[in-house]
């Protein structure tokens, strides 16, 4: 009796497994037929991949071969962590003069980050500046803020403030100078290329 019950249970188990297996095969075959019909009709199956175009813009590019054309695959923003740290420090800062300077630094860092998004070859140069200057400056800013919040005042507090102000200005000027040089070089290269293009057109006799 027990053997009969086990046989019936085994039978239904095999039937259930076979049903699931057949359903899976039918689904795979059905999808394959749909794809074959789609190709026969001339439909192209496209895939979507995100590309980075700089200035915080992201675009979905559909291309059947997934090729990169004048764009780089999305990368994390290089200066985003540093910009966030400066903004965070500024929110806890109560000195208006320092606050204004940190706002200026944030603006130039954002402009630099936007530039690097389109010119990844400059990334290493800026990374060396950012990873040392910004954390070091913020560390001293936290020390100054701690001094200001204490009821025990130091006779050096005022001197530290102006040293900190000069440091923030210098860091801002450093990034601003480098970014200006990047654009100056871009302008010179563009001008040279345009002159060469015009000379080629004239040499071919297309214009008088």
Protein backbone atom coordinates (compact mmCIF):
# COMPACT_ATOMS: atom_id res chain seq x y z
CA UNK A 1 0.00 0.00 0.00
CA UNK A 2 2.83 2.31 0.94
CA UNK A 3 4.60 1.40 -2.29
CA UNK A 4 1.47 2.26 -4.30
CA UNK A 5 1.18 5.65 -2.61
CA UNK A 6 4.83 6.38 -3.25
CA UNK A 7 4.45 5.37 -6.90
CA UNK A 8 1.45 7.68 -7.36
CA UNK A 9 3.33 10.55 -5.71
CA UNK A 10 6.38 9.92 -7.89
CA UNK A 11 4.20 9.77 -11.01
CA UNK A 12 2.58 13.15 -10.32
CA UNK A 13 5.97 14.63 -9.48
CA UNK A 14 7.40 13.50 -12.80
CA UNK A 15 4.33 14.83 -14.63
CA UNK A 16 4.66 18.24 -12.91
CA UNK A 17 8.38 18.46 -13.70
CA UNK A 18 7.76 17.50 -17.32
CA UNK A 19 5.02 20.14 -17.59
CA UNK A 20 7.33 22.87 -16.28
CA UNK A 21 10.13 21.73 -18.59
CA UNK A 22 7.89 21.71 -21.66
CA UNK A 23 6.53 25.18 -20.78
CA UNK A 24 10.07 26.52 -20.55
CA UNK A 25 11.04 25.03 -23.88
CA UNK A 26 7.91 26.46 -25.52
CA UNK A 27 8.73 29.93 -24.13
CA UNK A 28 12.31 29.83 -25.43
CA UNK A 29 11.22 28.58 -28.85
CA UNK A 30 8.47 31.20 -29.01
CA UNK A 31 10.92 34.03 -28.25
CA UNK A 32 13.38 32.69 -30.81
CA UNK A 33 10.63 32.64 -33.45
CA UNK A 34 9.65 36.23 -32.60
CA UNK A 35 13.27 37.39 -32.95
CA UNK A 36 13.61 35.54 -36.26
CA UNK A 37 10.42 37.12 -37.62
CA UNK A 38 11.61 40.55 -36.43
CA UNK A 39 14.96 40.19 -38.24
CA UNK A 40 13.19 38.88 -41.36
CA UNK A 41 10.97 41.96 -41.40
CA UNK A 42 14.00 44.22 -41.15
CA UNK A 43 13.49 45.36 -37.59
CA UNK A 44 16.70 46.16 -35.69
CA UNK A 45 17.03 45.32 -32.06
CA UNK A 46 18.72 48.24 -30.30
CA UNK A 47 20.27 48.50 -26.91
CA UNK A 48 20.51 51.58 -24.74
CA UNK A 49 23.65 52.79 -23.07
CA UNK A 50 24.26 56.03 -21.20
CA UNK A 51 27.01 58.38 -22.34
CA UNK A 52 28.46 61.42 -20.61
CA UNK A 53 28.53 64.67 -22.55
CA UNK A 54 29.77 67.01 -19.82
CA UNK A 55 28.13 69.92 -18.01
CA UNK A 56 26.06 67.45 -16.00
CA UNK A 57 24.16 66.29 -19.07
CA UNK A 58 23.41 62.61 -19.59
CA UNK A 59 21.94 61.26 -22.77
CA UNK A 60 20.63 57.86 -23.78
CA UNK A 61 22.27 56.82 -27.02
CA UNK A 62 20.64 53.97 -28.93
CA UNK A 63 23.05 52.17 -31.17
CA UNK A 64 22.91 48.56 -32.31
CA UNK A 65 26.68 48.15 -32.07
CA UNK A 66 27.02 50.03 -28.76
CA UNK A 67 29.83 52.22 -30.07
CA UNK A 68 31.12 55.39 -28.45
CA UNK A 69 31.02 58.39 -30.77
CA UNK A 70 32.67 61.61 -29.52
CA UNK A 71 31.67 60.77 -25.97
CA UNK A 72 32.86 58.85 -22.99
CA UNK A 73 30.99 56.29 -20.96
CA UNK A 74 29.58 57.81 -17.80
CA UNK A 75 32.14 58.35 -15.10
CA UNK A 76 31.72 59.72 -11.63
CA UNK A 77 32.30 63.44 -11.27
CA UNK A 78 35.94 63.99 -10.24
CA UNK A 79 35.39 67.04 -8.03
CA UNK A 80 31.90 66.25 -6.76
CA UNK A 81 33.11 64.94 -3.35
CA UNK A 82 35.28 68.03 -2.82
CA UNK A 83 32.48 70.38 -3.84
CA UNK A 84 30.14 68.63 -1.41
CA UNK A 85 32.71 68.93 1.39
CA UNK A 86 33.17 72.67 0.78
CA UNK A 87 29.41 73.24 0.76
CA UNK A 88 28.99 71.21 3.93
CA UNK A 89 31.72 73.19 5.71
CA UNK A 90 30.14 76.44 4.56
CA UNK A 91 26.78 75.51 6.05
CA UNK A 92 28.35 75.31 9.50
CA UNK A 93 30.36 78.50 9.01
CA UNK A 94 29.09 81.73 10.59
CA UNK A 95 31.68 84.16 9.24
CA UNK A 96 30.25 86.06 6.27
CA UNK A 97 33.63 86.86 4.75
CA UNK A 98 34.70 83.22 4.76
CA UNK A 99 31.25 82.16 3.56
CA UNK A 100 31.53 84.38 0.47
CA UNK A 101 35.00 83.04 -0.31
CA UNK A 102 33.84 79.44 -0.01
CA UNK A 103 30.96 80.22 -2.38
CA UNK A 104 33.48 81.52 -4.93
CA UNK A 105 35.61 78.41 -4.47
CA UNK A 106 32.55 76.20 -5.00
CA UNK A 107 31.75 78.02 -8.25
CA UNK A 108 35.24 77.60 -9.68
CA UNK A 109 35.37 73.94 -8.65
CA UNK A 110 32.05 73.33 -10.41
CA UNK A 111 33.32 75.07 -13.55
CA UNK A 112 36.47 72.98 -13.43
CA UNK A 113 34.45 69.79 -12.97
CA UNK A 114 32.33 70.65 -16.00
CA UNK A 115 35.47 71.21 -18.07
CA UNK A 116 37.03 67.90 -17.02
CA UNK A 117 33.84 66.07 -18.03
CA UNK A 118 34.73 66.85 -21.65
CA UNK A 119 38.52 66.75 -21.29
CA UNK A 120 39.46 63.66 -19.32
CA UNK A 121 43.12 64.04 -20.27
CA UNK A 122 43.36 66.90 -17.73
CA UNK A 123 41.92 64.80 -14.93
CA UNK A 124 45.18 63.77 -13.27
CA UNK A 125 46.49 67.34 -13.03
CA UNK A 126 43.37 68.57 -11.27
CA UNK A 127 43.11 65.50 -9.05
CA UNK A 128 46.55 66.23 -7.60
CA UNK A 129 45.48 69.77 -6.72
CA UNK A 130 42.09 68.85 -5.32
CA UNK A 131 43.06 65.88 -3.18
CA UNK A 132 45.65 67.90 -1.26
CA UNK A 133 44.54 71.55 -1.19
CA UNK A 134 40.84 71.10 -0.42
CA UNK A 135 41.00 68.60 2.49
CA UNK A 136 43.95 70.47 4.02
CA UNK A 137 42.13 73.80 3.88
CA UNK A 138 38.92 72.30 5.28
CA UNK A 139 40.85 70.74 8.15
CA UNK A 140 42.15 74.16 9.18
CA UNK A 141 38.70 75.65 8.72
CA UNK A 142 37.26 73.12 11.17
CA UNK A 143 39.99 74.02 13.65
CA UNK A 144 39.15 77.71 13.30
CA UNK A 145 35.43 77.03 13.74
CA UNK A 146 36.17 75.03 16.88
CA UNK A 147 38.18 77.95 18.24
CA UNK A 148 35.34 80.37 17.49
CA UNK A 149 32.72 78.20 19.18
CA UNK A 150 34.73 77.83 22.39
CA UNK A 151 34.12 80.18 25.30
CA UNK A 152 37.88 80.19 25.85
CA UNK A 153 39.28 82.62 23.32
CA UNK A 154 42.78 82.47 21.87
CA UNK A 155 44.81 85.61 21.18
CA UNK A 156 45.72 84.05 17.83
CA UNK A 157 42.14 83.60 16.65
CA UNK A 158 42.07 86.77 14.54
CA UNK A 159 45.43 85.96 12.93
CA UNK A 160 44.25 82.43 12.07
CA UNK A 161 41.13 83.85 10.45
CA UNK A 162 43.09 86.04 8.03
CA UNK A 163 45.58 83.27 7.28
CA UNK A 164 42.62 81.06 6.44
CA UNK A 165 41.09 83.78 4.24
CA UNK A 166 44.34 84.19 2.32
CA UNK A 167 44.60 80.41 1.87
CA UNK A 168 41.06 80.10 0.47
CA UNK A 169 41.76 82.97 -1.93
CA UNK A 170 44.98 81.34 -3.12
CA UNK A 171 43.30 77.98 -3.72
CA UNK A 172 40.48 79.68 -5.65
CA UNK A 173 43.00 81.65 -7.72
CA UNK A 174 45.01 78.48 -8.39
CA UNK A 175 42.03 76.61 -9.84
CA UNK A 176 40.91 79.71 -11.71
CA UNK A 177 44.37 80.20 -13.26
CA UNK A 178 44.61 76.57 -14.38
CA UNK A 179 41.10 76.64 -15.88
CA UNK A 180 41.92 79.88 -17.75
CA UNK A 181 45.08 78.24 -19.14
CA UNK A 182 43.02 75.27 -20.32
CA UNK A 183 40.65 77.55 -22.23
CA UNK A 184 43.52 79.70 -23.57
CA UNK A 185 45.17 76.58 -25.02
CA UNK A 186 41.84 75.47 -26.43
CA UNK A 187 41.41 78.84 -28.12
CA UNK A 188 44.92 78.73 -29.63
CA UNK A 189 44.44 75.19 -30.94
CA UNK A 190 41.05 76.08 -32.40
CA UNK A 191 42.46 79.21 -34.05
CA UNK A 192 45.34 77.24 -35.59
CA UNK A 193 42.98 74.57 -36.90
CA UNK A 194 40.68 77.17 -38.46
CA UNK A 195 43.61 78.91 -40.15
CA UNK A 196 44.78 75.60 -41.59
CA UNK A 197 41.26 74.84 -42.80
CA UNK A 198 40.94 78.22 -44.52
CA UNK A 199 44.38 77.86 -46.11
CA UNK A 200 43.39 74.46 -47.50
CA UNK A 201 40.19 75.86 -49.01
CA UNK A 202 42.10 78.71 -50.67
CA UNK A 203 44.86 76.42 -51.93
CA UNK A 204 42.30 74.17 -53.63
CA UNK A 205 40.99 77.21 -55.46
CA UNK A 206 37.47 76.88 -54.11
CA UNK A 207 37.42 80.59 -53.23
CA UNK A 208 39.20 83.59 -54.69
